[in-house]
């Protein structure tokens, strides 16, 4: 035994010397450890404790610096690899029975972000047609929205589809999918093509097939899917959100589905000047959808459909009617004075008091429909669509831009969902734990004794029972694990540009309160169709149609200066 002890001591000392020679230089330079004392266990422990205190004080700053350097590196790599590799590539659907209006195969554009658990799927917009005459007229003038024959092999993205972290700070590195619109049915149809002279309307089936093909590419095991769209694509999000979430669940995916509807929240109100429903742009939305839903075999959210008879289910195409029935979370982006709504309502250029009042009431009515929407960005601007524009960060309300509001909402949805996941996992653990089921277990016995006032206190806690020691040890491990996870999440947020917004500045319900078009100073500039010059709303109206502000102010019983100030402030 003495011989073995001597050999072990020699081995430890020689090993310490070898360790000091090989690694000591690095430790001395990096952590200021005196490697000559490493063989002395007391000196080693003293230096380790000193190092620990020093490093804990510096850990947060070093972690942030490291995260910043890694983010800079990621952006540099992104810039080096942006020569064509950040474009989205076209994929035609393998299921060739799901087609565009003309029978050509539908498809989608995809840009993979390997390692990312986030997916962003965007539905293109572009009006609709609702009967034989309007569809023939659409085919003659907008065949690119009814066929895939001329689709390019690659597609670039802007706004929320951009791979540039400067333009798209929160979703630039998500797996991005762009689905072109070629079904003319607001993404609702399930009507196949019956003969060569007929049109197919299969928007809902196109989206379903796209999701089916994305599942084995990583969507199935991903964290979140942001289903988004603009104009008719925005309405398509409202119609397909719950159906898509249910389809993915049936396919075995646990991905959380969230919706973003941009400029697809229309009103089924009366037109300013009622007209015959002969073409898309002059037909009242309610009448066009009433005809179209039968023409397309259009599908609406199941829970909304239950609210109406078969003949009245067209009402579910209007967001304010469908929203209360949706189960998946939805964020609404809507201009209070949407250009498309103004066109179909036949308002025309405002030149008299009645038109101004109609426009004002249009904003009031739309604002009312957004009262109970938990995630909304609604500026008082005359425009249409925003989310895919490269300047989408410039429009603000209360100092908050759309990307920040949308990211804030996305985080709040995730946090609201997280306790549900935690409770499911906790329930599973409790069901699997004998301590939860066995009434004679030490934990339950101690609860009973405490309730009866017979607990032995601290002395009893130190009884040395192996079950309690295990419980205390697991509790400490859990607390350490939680602290480590919080620290890692913070560093990852800094690294990928997804820093969580502060509670005091996180706002996801933003609706302008000013009453007139372009009363928000950050609204997009309007362009003079004759000169191409960018102008504000009132000066443009005065130049184009010669609006007499004095006459309008007199009709409204206001001072002309007050009227101009109200419209432009």
Foldseek 3Di string as FASTA:
>chain_A
DVVVVVVVLVVLVVVLVVCCVPCVVVCCVPQVQDSVCSSPVVSVVVSVVVSVVVCVVCVVVVLLVVLQVLLVVVLVVCVVPVPPLLWWFKDFFPPQQQFFFQSATFTKTKRAQPPALEEEEEEEDDAAFQDDQQVVVCCVPPVVLRHCPPPDRTHAFAFCSHLNCVLNVARNRHTYMYGGHRQRQLLFFDAGADDNVGTARHSVVSVLSRVVVCCVVNNQAGAEYEYEYFASRLLNCLFCQQVNVVSSVVVNGPHAYEYERFQQQADQDAAPDQDDPRYRQQARPLVRLLRRCVVRVGGGDPQLPVVDDPSPSSVRSHCLSSVVRDDHAYAYEHELAEQSNNRRSVLPQDFADVSQVVSLVSSVVVVVSCPPRQFYAYHNAYYGGQRRDSVQQQFDDPRHGPSLLVLLVVVVVVVVCVVVVVVVVVVVVLVVDPVNVDCPDPVNVQVVCVVVVNHPPPVVLPPPDPVSVVVVVVVVVVVVVVVVVVSVVQSVCSNSSNHHDDPVPHHRDDHDPQRHHCLRVSYFFDAQPVPRDTDGDVVSSCVPPVRDLCVNCVVVVHDSVVVVVSHHD
